[in-house]
PDB file of N, CA and C in Angstrom:
ATOM      1  N   MET A   1      45.467  23.583  -0.314  1.00  0.00           N
ATOM      2  CA  MET A   1      45.218  22.186  -0.003  1.00  0.00           C
ATOM      3  C   MET A   1      46.395  21.338  -0.454  1.00  0.00           C
ATOM      4  N   ILE A   2      46.538  20.224   0.219  1.00  0.00           N
ATOM      5  CA  ILE A   2      47.639  19.312  -0.042  1.00  0.00           C
ATOM      6  C   ILE A   2      47.074  17.941  -0.384  1.00  0.00           C
ATOM      7  N   GLY A   3      47.572  17.351  -1.448  1.00  0.00           N
ATOM      8  CA  GLY A   3      47.187  15.993  -1.816  1.00  0.00           C
ATOM      9  C   GLY A   3      48.340  15.042  -1.572  1.00  0.00           C
ATOM     10  N   ILE A   4      48.023  13.854  -1.129  1.00  0.00           N
ATOM     11  CA  ILE A   4      49.012  12.806  -0.914  1.00  0.00           C
ATOM     12  C   ILE A   4      48.517  11.546  -1.611  1.00  0.00           C
ATOM     13  N   VAL A   5      49.402  10.894  -2.349  1.00  0.00           N
ATOM     14  CA  VAL A   5      49.108   9.570  -2.895  1.00  0.00           C
ATOM     15  C   VAL A   5      50.202   8.640  -2.370  1.00  0.00           C
ATOM     16  N   ALA A   6      49.779   7.655  -1.603  1.00  0.00           N
ATOM     17  CA  ALA A   6      50.699   6.665  -1.050  1.00  0.00           C
ATOM     18  C   ALA A   6      50.436   5.340  -1.752  1.00  0.00           C
ATOM     19  N   LYS A   7      51.421   4.877  -2.520  1.00  0.00           N
ATOM     20  CA  LYS A   7      51.288   3.618  -3.257  1.00  0.00           C
ATOM     21  C   LYS A   7      51.953   2.515  -2.450  1.00  0.00           C
ATOM     22  N   LEU A   8      51.228   1.415  -2.246  1.00  0.00           N
ATOM     23  CA  LEU A   8      51.686   0.320  -1.407  1.00  0.00           C
ATOM     24  C   LEU A   8      51.564  -0.997  -2.151  1.00  0.00           C
ATOM     25  N   GLN A   9      52.615  -1.770  -2.153  1.00  0.00           N
ATOM     26  CA  GLN A   9      52.599  -3.112  -2.735  1.00  0.00           C
ATOM     27  C   GLN A   9      52.496  -4.103  -1.575  1.00  0.00           C
ATOM     28  N   ILE A  10      51.479  -4.959  -1.611  1.00  0.00           N
ATOM     29  CA  ILE A  10      51.181  -5.855  -0.501  1.00  0.00           C
ATOM     30  C   ILE A  10      51.677  -7.262  -0.818  1.00  0.00           C
ATOM     31  N   ALA A  11      52.250  -7.902   0.190  1.00  0.00           N
ATOM     32  CA  ALA A  11      52.766  -9.267   0.042  1.00  0.00           C
ATOM     33  C   ALA A  11      51.617 -10.240  -0.206  1.00  0.00           C
ATOM     34  N   GLU A  12      51.901 -11.276  -0.984  1.00  0.00           N
ATOM     35  CA  GLU A  12      50.907 -12.325  -1.256  1.00  0.00           C
ATOM     36  C   GLU A  12      50.373 -12.882   0.064  1.00  0.00           C
ATOM     37  N   GLY A  13      49.053 -13.055   0.113  1.00  0.00           N
ATOM     38  CA  GLY A  13      48.420 -13.626   1.293  1.00  0.00           C
ATOM     39  C   GLY A  13      48.157 -12.644   2.413  1.00  0.00           C
ATOM     40  N   LYS A  14      48.505 -11.373   2.217  1.00  0.00           N
ATOM     41  CA  LYS A  14      48.342 -10.369   3.275  1.00  0.00           C
ATOM     42  C   LYS A  14      47.239  -9.351   2.969  1.00  0.00           C
ATOM     43  N   ASN A  15      46.526  -9.539   1.865  1.00  0.00           N
ATOM     44  CA  ASN A  15      45.513  -8.560   1.463  1.00  0.00           C
ATOM     45  C   ASN A  15      44.441  -8.340   2.518  1.00  0.00           C
ATOM     46  N   ASP A  16      43.862  -9.415   3.026  1.00  0.00           N
ATOM     47  CA  ASP A  16      42.771  -9.277   3.998  1.00  0.00           C
ATOM     48  C   ASP A  16      43.236  -8.546   5.248  1.00  0.00           C
ATOM     49  N   GLU A  17      44.405  -8.915   5.738  1.00  0.00           N
ATOM     50  CA  GLU A  17      44.959  -8.273   6.932  1.00  0.00           C
ATOM     51  C   GLU A  17      45.205  -6.782   6.671  1.00  0.00           C
ATOM     52  N   PHE A  18      45.819  -6.479   5.525  1.00  0.00           N
ATOM     53  CA  PHE A  18      46.094  -5.098   5.171  1.00  0.00           C
ATOM     54  C   PHE A  18      44.802  -4.294   5.036  1.00  0.00           C
ATOM     55  N   GLU A  19      43.819  -4.851   4.346  1.00  0.00           N
ATOM     56  CA  GLU A  19      42.566  -4.127   4.150  1.00  0.00           C
ATOM     57  C   GLU A  19      41.861  -3.862   5.475  1.00  0.00           C
ATOM     58  N   GLN A  20      41.923  -4.786   6.413  1.00  0.00           N
ATOM     59  CA  GLN A  20      41.292  -4.568   7.711  1.00  0.00           C
ATOM     60  C   GLN A  20      41.954  -3.410   8.455  1.00  0.00           C
ATOM     61  N   VAL A  21      43.278  -3.380   8.439  1.00  0.00           N
ATOM     62  CA  VAL A  21      44.000  -2.275   9.077  1.00  0.00           C
ATOM     63  C   VAL A  21      43.657  -0.962   8.373  1.00  0.00           C
ATOM     64  N   GLY A  22      43.625  -0.983   7.041  1.00  0.00           N
ATOM     65  CA  GLY A  22      43.287   0.204   6.268  1.00  0.00           C
ATOM     66  C   GLY A  22      41.878   0.709   6.549  1.00  0.00           C
ATOM     67  N   LYS A  23      40.917  -0.177   6.624  1.00  0.00           N
ATOM     68  CA  LYS A  23      39.529   0.217   6.899  1.00  0.00           C
ATOM     69  C   LYS A  23      39.403   0.825   8.290  1.00  0.00           C
ATOM     70  N   ASP A  24      40.081   0.232   9.263  1.00  0.00           N
ATOM     71  CA  ASP A  24      40.048   0.761  10.626  1.00  0.00           C
ATOM     72  C   ASP A  24      40.672   2.158  10.665  1.00  0.00           C
ATOM     73  N   LEU A  25      41.800   2.325   9.994  1.00  0.00           N
ATOM     74  CA  LEU A  25      42.460   3.621   9.960  1.00  0.00           C
ATOM     75  C   LEU A  25      41.587   4.656   9.261  1.00  0.00           C
ATOM     76  N   MET A  26      40.983   4.300   8.129  1.00  0.00           N
ATOM     77  CA  MET A  26      40.098   5.237   7.420  1.00  0.00           C
ATOM     78  C   MET A  26      38.971   5.715   8.322  1.00  0.00           C
ATOM     79  N   ALA A  27      38.357   4.802   9.037  1.00  0.00           N
ATOM     80  CA  ALA A  27      37.238   5.162   9.912  1.00  0.00           C
ATOM     81  C   ALA A  27      37.681   6.145  10.991  1.00  0.00           C
ATOM     82  N   LYS A  28      38.841   5.903  11.576  1.00  0.00           N
ATOM     83  CA  LYS A  28      39.328   6.783  12.637  1.00  0.00           C
ATOM     84  C   LYS A  28      39.715   8.154  12.095  1.00  0.00           C
ATOM     85  N   VAL A  29      40.353   8.184  10.935  1.00  0.00           N
ATOM     86  CA  VAL A  29      40.719   9.463  10.336  1.00  0.00           C
ATOM     87  C   VAL A  29      39.464  10.266  10.019  1.00  0.00           C
ATOM     88  N   LYS A  30      38.499   9.632   9.379  1.00  0.00           N
ATOM     89  CA  LYS A  30      37.282  10.341   8.976  1.00  0.00           C
ATOM     90  C   LYS A  30      36.484  10.838  10.180  1.00  0.00           C
ATOM     91  N   ALA A  31      36.537  10.119  11.292  1.00  0.00           N
ATOM     92  CA  ALA A  31      35.781  10.502  12.494  1.00  0.00           C
ATOM     93  C   ALA A  31      36.478  11.573  13.320  1.00  0.00           C
ATOM     94  N   ASN A  32      37.793  11.713  13.186  1.00  0.00           N
ATOM     95  CA  ASN A  32      38.535  12.543  14.129  1.00  0.00           C
ATOM     96  C   ASN A  32      39.375  13.666  13.530  1.00  0.00           C
ATOM     97  N   GLU A  33      39.444  13.759  12.216  1.00  0.00           N
ATOM     98  CA  GLU A  33      40.338  14.746  11.612  1.00  0.00           C
ATOM     99  C   GLU A  33      39.591  15.661  10.633  1.00  0.00           C
ATOM    100  N   PRO A  34      39.022  16.751  11.142  1.00  0.00           N
ATOM    101  CA  PRO A  34      38.281  17.649  10.251  1.00  0.00           C
ATOM    102  C   PRO A  34      39.152  18.297   9.173  1.00  0.00           C
ATOM    103  N   GLY A  35      40.458  18.373   9.393  1.00  0.00           N
ATOM    104  CA  GLY A  35      41.358  18.945   8.390  1.00  0.00           C
ATOM    105  C   GLY A  35      41.757  17.970   7.297  1.00  0.00           C
ATOM    106  N   CYS A  36      41.364  16.717   7.451  1.00  0.00           N
ATOM    107  CA  CYS A  36      41.601  15.706   6.420  1.00  0.00           C
ATOM    108  C   CYS A  36      40.312  15.594   5.603  1.00  0.00           C
ATOM    109  N   LEU A  37      40.350  16.084   4.397  1.00  0.00           N
ATOM    110  CA  LEU A  37      39.155  16.178   3.566  1.00  0.00           C
ATOM    111  C   LEU A  37      38.853  14.892   2.806  1.00  0.00           C
ATOM    112  N   THR A  38      39.891  14.120   2.505  1.00  0.00           N
ATOM    113  CA  THR A  38      39.740  12.830   1.831  1.00  0.00           C
ATOM    114  C   THR A  38      40.781  11.874   2.388  1.00  0.00           C
ATOM    115  N   TYR A  39      40.357  10.659   2.691  1.00  0.00           N
ATOM    116  CA  TYR A  39      41.286   9.616   3.134  1.00  0.00           C
ATOM    117  C   TYR A  39      40.673   8.300   2.714  1.00  0.00           C
ATOM    118  N   GLN A  40      41.090   7.798   1.551  1.00  0.00           N
ATOM    119  CA  GLN A  40      40.443   6.627   0.972  1.00  0.00           C
ATOM    120  C   GLN A  40      41.467   5.642   0.444  1.00  0.00           C
ATOM    121  N   LEU A  41      41.242   4.377   0.736  1.00  0.00           N
ATOM    122  CA  LEU A  41      42.088   3.292   0.246  1.00  0.00           C
ATOM    123  C   LEU A  41      41.467   2.702  -1.010  1.00  0.00           C
ATOM    124  N   TYR A  42      42.303   2.475  -2.028  1.00  0.00           N
ATOM    125  CA  TYR A  42      41.869   1.866  -3.289  1.00  0.00           C
ATOM    126  C   TYR A  42      42.780   0.691  -3.619  1.00  0.00           C
ATOM    127  N   ARG A  43      42.196  -0.349  -4.208  1.00  0.00           N
ATOM    128  CA  ARG A  43      42.953  -1.512  -4.708  1.00  0.00           C
ATOM    129  C   ARG A  43      42.945  -1.452  -6.232  1.00  0.00           C
ATOM    130  N   SER A  44      44.073  -1.727  -6.839  1.00  0.00           N
ATOM    131  CA  SER A  44      44.198  -1.702  -8.290  1.00  0.00           C
ATOM    132  C   SER A  44      43.323  -2.777  -8.926  1.00  0.00           C
ATOM    133  N   GLN A  45      42.704  -2.450 -10.054  1.00  0.00           N
ATOM    134  CA  GLN A  45      41.927  -3.435 -10.808  1.00  0.00           C
ATOM    135  C   GLN A  45      42.834  -4.359 -11.609  1.00  0.00           C
ATOM    136  N   SER A  46      44.032  -3.905 -11.936  1.00  0.00           N
ATOM    137  CA  SER A  46      44.928  -4.720 -12.762  1.00  0.00           C
ATOM    138  C   SER A  46      45.951  -5.513 -11.949  1.00  0.00           C
ATOM    139  N   ASP A  47      46.216  -5.096 -10.708  1.00  0.00           N
ATOM    140  CA  ASP A  47      47.180  -5.786  -9.849  1.00  0.00           C
ATOM    141  C   ASP A  47      46.618  -5.841  -8.436  1.00  0.00           C
ATOM    142  N   PRO A  48      46.056  -6.969  -8.029  1.00  0.00           N
ATOM    143  CA  PRO A  48      45.392  -7.047  -6.726  1.00  0.00           C
ATOM    144  C   PRO A  48      46.341  -6.879  -5.538  1.00  0.00           C
ATOM    145  N   GLN A  49      47.646  -6.816  -5.772  1.00  0.00           N
ATOM    146  CA  GLN A  49      48.595  -6.596  -4.675  1.00  0.00           C
ATOM    147  C   GLN A  49      48.967  -5.119  -4.547  1.00  0.00           C
ATOM    148  N   SER A  50      48.450  -4.293  -5.446  1.00  0.00           N
ATOM    149  CA  SER A  50      48.782  -2.868  -5.472  1.00  0.00           C
ATOM    150  C   SER A  50      47.612  -2.032  -4.939  1.00  0.00           C
ATOM    151  N   TYR A  51      47.926  -1.159  -3.981  1.00  0.00           N
ATOM    152  CA  TYR A  51      46.932  -0.293  -3.346  1.00  0.00           C
ATOM    153  C   TYR A  51      47.447   1.137  -3.327  1.00  0.00           C
ATOM    154  N   ILE A  52      46.525   2.080  -3.218  1.00  0.00           N
ATOM    155  CA  ILE A  52      46.896   3.460  -2.945  1.00  0.00           C
ATOM    156  C   ILE A  52      45.967   4.022  -1.873  1.00  0.00           C
ATOM    157  N   PHE A  53      46.518   4.890  -1.062  1.00  0.00           N
ATOM    158  CA  PHE A  53      45.729   5.779  -0.224  1.00  0.00           C
ATOM    159  C   PHE A  53      45.728   7.120  -0.939  1.00  0.00           C
ATOM    160  N   MET A  54      44.543   7.675  -1.190  1.00  0.00           N
ATOM    161  CA  MET A  54      44.406   9.030  -1.713  1.00  0.00           C
ATOM    162  C   MET A  54      43.976   9.893  -0.543  1.00  0.00           C
ATOM    163  N   GLU A  55      44.754  10.944  -0.293  1.00  0.00           N
ATOM    164  CA  GLU A  55      44.527  11.788   0.871  1.00  0.00           C
ATOM    165  C   GLU A  55      44.491  13.250   0.446  1.00  0.00           C
ATOM    166  N   GLN A  56      43.666  14.044   1.136  1.00  0.00           N
ATOM    167  CA  GLN A  56      43.626  15.482   0.886  1.00  0.00           C
ATOM    168  C   GLN A  56      43.489  16.181   2.232  1.00  0.00           C
ATOM    169  N   TYR A  57      44.355  17.169   2.444  1.00  0.00           N
ATOM    170  CA  TYR A  57      44.384  17.903   3.705  1.00  0.00           C
ATOM    171  C   TYR A  57      44.168  19.387   3.445  1.00  0.00           C
ATOM    172  N   SER A  58      43.541  20.055   4.387  1.00  0.00           N
ATOM    173  CA  SER A  58      43.256  21.478   4.231  1.00  0.00           C
ATOM    174  C   SER A  58      44.528  22.314   4.240  1.00  0.00           C
ATOM    175  N   ASP A  59      45.559  21.875   4.993  1.00  0.00           N
ATOM    176  CA  ASP A  59      46.807  22.632   5.083  1.00  0.00           C
ATOM    177  C   ASP A  59      47.893  21.765   5.729  1.00  0.00           C
ATOM    178  N   ASP A  60      49.091  22.346   5.849  1.00  0.00           N
ATOM    179  CA  ASP A  60      50.218  21.617   6.432  1.00  0.00           C
ATOM    180  C   ASP A  60      49.952  21.182   7.869  1.00  0.00           C
ATOM    181  N   GLU A  61      49.256  22.011   8.621  1.00  0.00           N
ATOM    182  CA  GLU A  61      48.975  21.687  10.014  1.00  0.00           C
ATOM    183  C   GLU A  61      48.104  20.433  10.120  1.00  0.00           C
ATOM    184  N   ALA A  62      47.128  20.304   9.235  1.00  0.00           N
ATOM    185  CA  ALA A  62      46.258  19.126   9.239  1.00  0.00           C
ATOM    186  C   ALA A  62      47.043  17.873   8.872  1.00  0.00           C
ATOM    187  N   LEU A  63      47.951  17.993   7.908  1.00  0.00           N
ATOM    188  CA  LEU A  63      48.786  16.858   7.512  1.00  0.00           C
ATOM    189  C   LEU A  63      49.708  16.448   8.659  1.00  0.00           C
ATOM    190  N   LYS A  64      50.317  17.424   9.305  1.00  0.00           N
ATOM    191  CA  LYS A  64      51.195  17.139  10.436  1.00  0.00           C
ATOM    192  C   LYS A  64      50.414  16.488  11.578  1.00  0.00           C
ATOM    193  N   ALA A  65      49.227  17.009  11.874  1.00  0.00           N
ATOM    194  CA  ALA A  65      48.396  16.454  12.947  1.00  0.00           C
ATOM    195  C   ALA A  65      48.031  15.003  12.662  1.00  0.00           C
ATOM    196  N   HIS A  66      47.760  14.687  11.407  1.00  0.00           N
ATOM    197  CA  HIS A  66      47.422  13.314  11.017  1.00  0.00           C
ATOM    198  C   HIS A  66      48.537  12.350  11.405  1.00  0.00           C
ATOM    199  N   GLY A  67      49.770  12.727  11.092  1.00  0.00           N
ATOM    200  CA  GLY A  67      50.912  11.873  11.377  1.00  0.00           C
ATOM    201  C   GLY A  67      51.218  11.717  12.857  1.00  0.00           C
ATOM    202  N   GLN A  68      50.652  12.590  13.683  1.00  0.00           N
ATOM    203  CA  GLN A  68      50.910  12.543  15.124  1.00  0.00           C
ATOM    204  C   GLN A  68      49.837  11.797  15.916  1.00  0.00           C
ATOM    205  N   THR A  69      48.776  11.361  15.243  1.00  0.00           N
ATOM    206  CA  THR A  69      47.707  10.672  15.978  1.00  0.00           C
ATOM    207  C   THR A  69      48.166   9.298  16.443  1.00  0.00           C
ATOM    208  N   GLU A  70      47.651   8.879  17.581  1.00  0.00           N
ATOM    209  CA  GLU A  70      48.020   7.574  18.134  1.00  0.00           C
ATOM    210  C   GLU A  70      47.566   6.436  17.221  1.00  0.00           C
ATOM    211  N   TYR A  71      46.387   6.580  16.611  1.00  0.00           N
ATOM    212  CA  TYR A  71      45.897   5.499  15.744  1.00  0.00           C
ATOM    213  C   TYR A  71      46.723   5.385  14.469  1.00  0.00           C
ATOM    214  N   PHE A  72      47.243   6.507  13.938  1.00  0.00           N
ATOM    215  CA  PHE A  72      48.115   6.434  12.769  1.00  0.00           C
ATOM    216  C   PHE A  72      49.432   5.755  13.133  1.00  0.00           C
ATOM    217  N   LYS A  73      49.992   6.150  14.267  1.00  0.00           N
ATOM    218  CA  LYS A  73      51.242   5.541  14.730  1.00  0.00           C
ATOM    219  C   LYS A  73      51.066   4.043  14.986  1.00  0.00           C
ATOM    220  N   ALA A  74      49.921   3.636  15.521  1.00  0.00           N
ATOM    221  CA  ALA A  74      49.666   2.220  15.797  1.00  0.00           C
ATOM    222  C   ALA A  74      49.466   1.415  14.519  1.00  0.00           C
ATOM    223  N   ALA A  75      48.892   2.036  13.486  1.00  0.00           N
ATOM    224  CA  ALA A  75      48.627   1.331  12.228  1.00  0.00           C
ATOM    225  C   ALA A  75      49.917   1.076  11.445  1.00  0.00           C
ATOM    226  N   GLY A  76      50.921   1.916  11.616  1.00  0.00           N
ATOM    227  CA  GLY A  76      52.164   1.802  10.859  1.00  0.00           C
ATOM    228  C   GLY A  76      52.808   0.425  10.925  1.00  0.00           C
ATOM    229  N   PRO A  77      53.097  -0.095  12.122  1.00  0.00           N
ATOM    230  CA  PRO A  77      53.715  -1.418  12.200  1.00  0.00           C
ATOM    231  C   PRO A  77      52.825  -2.541  11.658  1.00  0.00           C
ATOM    232  N   LYS A  78      51.514  -2.402  11.834  1.00  0.00           N
ATOM    233  CA  LYS A  78      50.585  -3.416  11.324  1.00  0.00           C
ATOM    234  C   LYS A  78      50.623  -3.441   9.798  1.00  0.00           C
ATOM    235  N   MET A  79      50.623  -2.262   9.188  1.00  0.00           N
ATOM    236  CA  MET A  79      50.694  -2.198   7.731  1.00  0.00           C
ATOM    237  C   MET A  79      52.047  -2.667   7.234  1.00  0.00           C
ATOM    238  N   ALA A  80      53.110  -2.284   7.932  1.00  0.00           N
ATOM    239  CA  ALA A  80      54.468  -2.649   7.519  1.00  0.00           C
ATOM    240  C   ALA A  80      54.618  -4.166   7.408  1.00  0.00           C
ATOM    241  N   GLY A  81      53.942  -4.903   8.274  1.00  0.00           N
ATOM    242  CA  GLY A  81      54.004  -6.356   8.233  1.00  0.00           C
ATOM    243  C   GLY A  81      53.317  -6.966   7.029  1.00  0.00           C
ATOM    244  N   CYS A  82      52.578  -6.150   6.290  1.00  0.00           N
ATOM    245  CA  CYS A  82      51.864  -6.622   5.108  1.00  0.00           C
ATOM    246  C   CYS A  82      52.538  -6.211   3.799  1.00  0.00           C
ATOM    247  N   LEU A  83      53.510  -5.356   3.869  1.00  0.00           N
ATOM    248  CA  LEU A  83      54.102  -4.778   2.663  1.00  0.00           C
ATOM    249  C   LEU A  83      55.108  -5.708   1.991  1.00  0.00           C
ATOM    250  N   ALA A  84      55.152  -5.601   0.663  1.00  0.00           N
ATOM    251  CA  ALA A  84      56.122  -6.353  -0.123  1.00  0.00           C
ATOM    252  C   ALA A  84      57.297  -5.467  -0.534  1.00  0.00           C
ATOM    253  N   GLY A  85      57.285  -4.226  -0.112  1.00  0.00           N
ATOM    254  CA  GLY A  85      58.349  -3.284  -0.456  1.00  0.00           C
ATOM    255  C   GLY A  85      58.087  -1.950   0.202  1.00  0.00           C
ATOM    256  N   LYS A  86      58.949  -1.016  -0.060  1.00  0.00           N
ATOM    257  CA  LYS A  86      58.846   0.319   0.514  1.00  0.00           C
ATOM    258  C   LYS A  86      57.701   1.097  -0.138  1.00  0.00           C
ATOM    259  N   PRO A  87      56.878   1.779   0.669  1.00  0.00           N
ATOM    260  CA  PRO A  87      55.807   2.597   0.094  1.00  0.00           C
ATOM    261  C   PRO A  87      56.373   3.741  -0.751  1.00  0.00           C
ATOM    262  N   GLU A  88      55.628   4.130  -1.758  1.00  0.00           N
ATOM    263  CA  GLU A  88      55.958   5.298  -2.571  1.00  0.00           C
ATOM    264  C   GLU A  88      54.966   6.384  -2.204  1.00  0.00           C
ATOM    265  N   ILE A  89      55.449   7.475  -1.639  1.00  0.00           N
ATOM    266  CA  ILE A  89      54.573   8.544  -1.179  1.00  0.00           C
ATOM    267  C   ILE A  89      54.899   9.816  -1.952  1.00  0.00           C
ATOM    268  N   GLU A  90      53.889  10.358  -2.588  1.00  0.00           N
ATOM    269  CA  GLU A  90      54.048  11.562  -3.396  1.00  0.00           C
ATOM    270  C   GLU A  90      53.118  12.645  -2.860  1.00  0.00           C
ATOM    271  N   ARG A  91      53.663  13.851  -2.729  1.00  0.00           N
ATOM    272  CA  ARG A  91      52.889  15.004  -2.236  1.00  0.00           C
ATOM    273  C   ARG A  91      52.551  15.904  -3.421  1.00  0.00           C
ATOM    274  N   TYR A  92      51.311  16.411  -3.442  1.00  0.00           N
ATOM    275  CA  TYR A  92      50.829  17.241  -4.536  1.00  0.00           C
ATOM    276  C   TYR A  92      50.238  18.537  -4.016  1.00  0.00           C
ATOM    277  N   ASP A  93      50.370  19.603  -4.804  1.00  0.00           N
ATOM    278  CA  ASP A  93      49.699  20.872  -4.529  1.00  0.00           C
ATOM    279  C   ASP A  93      48.458  20.949  -5.407  1.00  0.00           C
ATOM    280  N   ILE A  94      47.398  21.514  -4.872  1.00  0.00           N
ATOM    281  CA  ILE A  94      46.155  21.643  -5.628  1.00  0.00           C
ATOM    282  C   ILE A  94      46.342  22.686  -6.741  1.00  0.00           C
ATOM    283  N   VAL A  95      45.722  22.444  -7.858  1.00  0.00           N
ATOM    284  CA  VAL A  95      45.723  23.377  -8.970  1.00  0.00           C
ATOM    285  C   VAL A  95      44.329  23.982  -9.036  1.00  0.00           C
ATOM    286  N   GLU A  96      44.262  25.295  -8.873  1.00  0.00           N
ATOM    287  CA  GLU A  96      42.952  25.959  -8.904  1.00  0.00           C
ATOM    288  C   GLU A  96      42.936  27.045  -9.937  1.00  0.00           C
TER     289      GLU A  96
END
């Protein structure tokens, strides 16, 4: 399994817009990607402009398929318009 943590800093005044795009993307991922085991957006309790997506995929193929979906590609520019900086994306291997 593969874990992904994507940390996103959101520009002031863009939280609602960002969260709407995030909620729509989460719903589509959960409905259409059986290889994506977890796809959840979280907002920091200490910094309301800081968010993370926590993601878990069954394998590399599922992760690759996620990035190729039309809804993921469409969400990218919408999210980019809300960002205050470059996303930090970290990939993790499961420890069993």
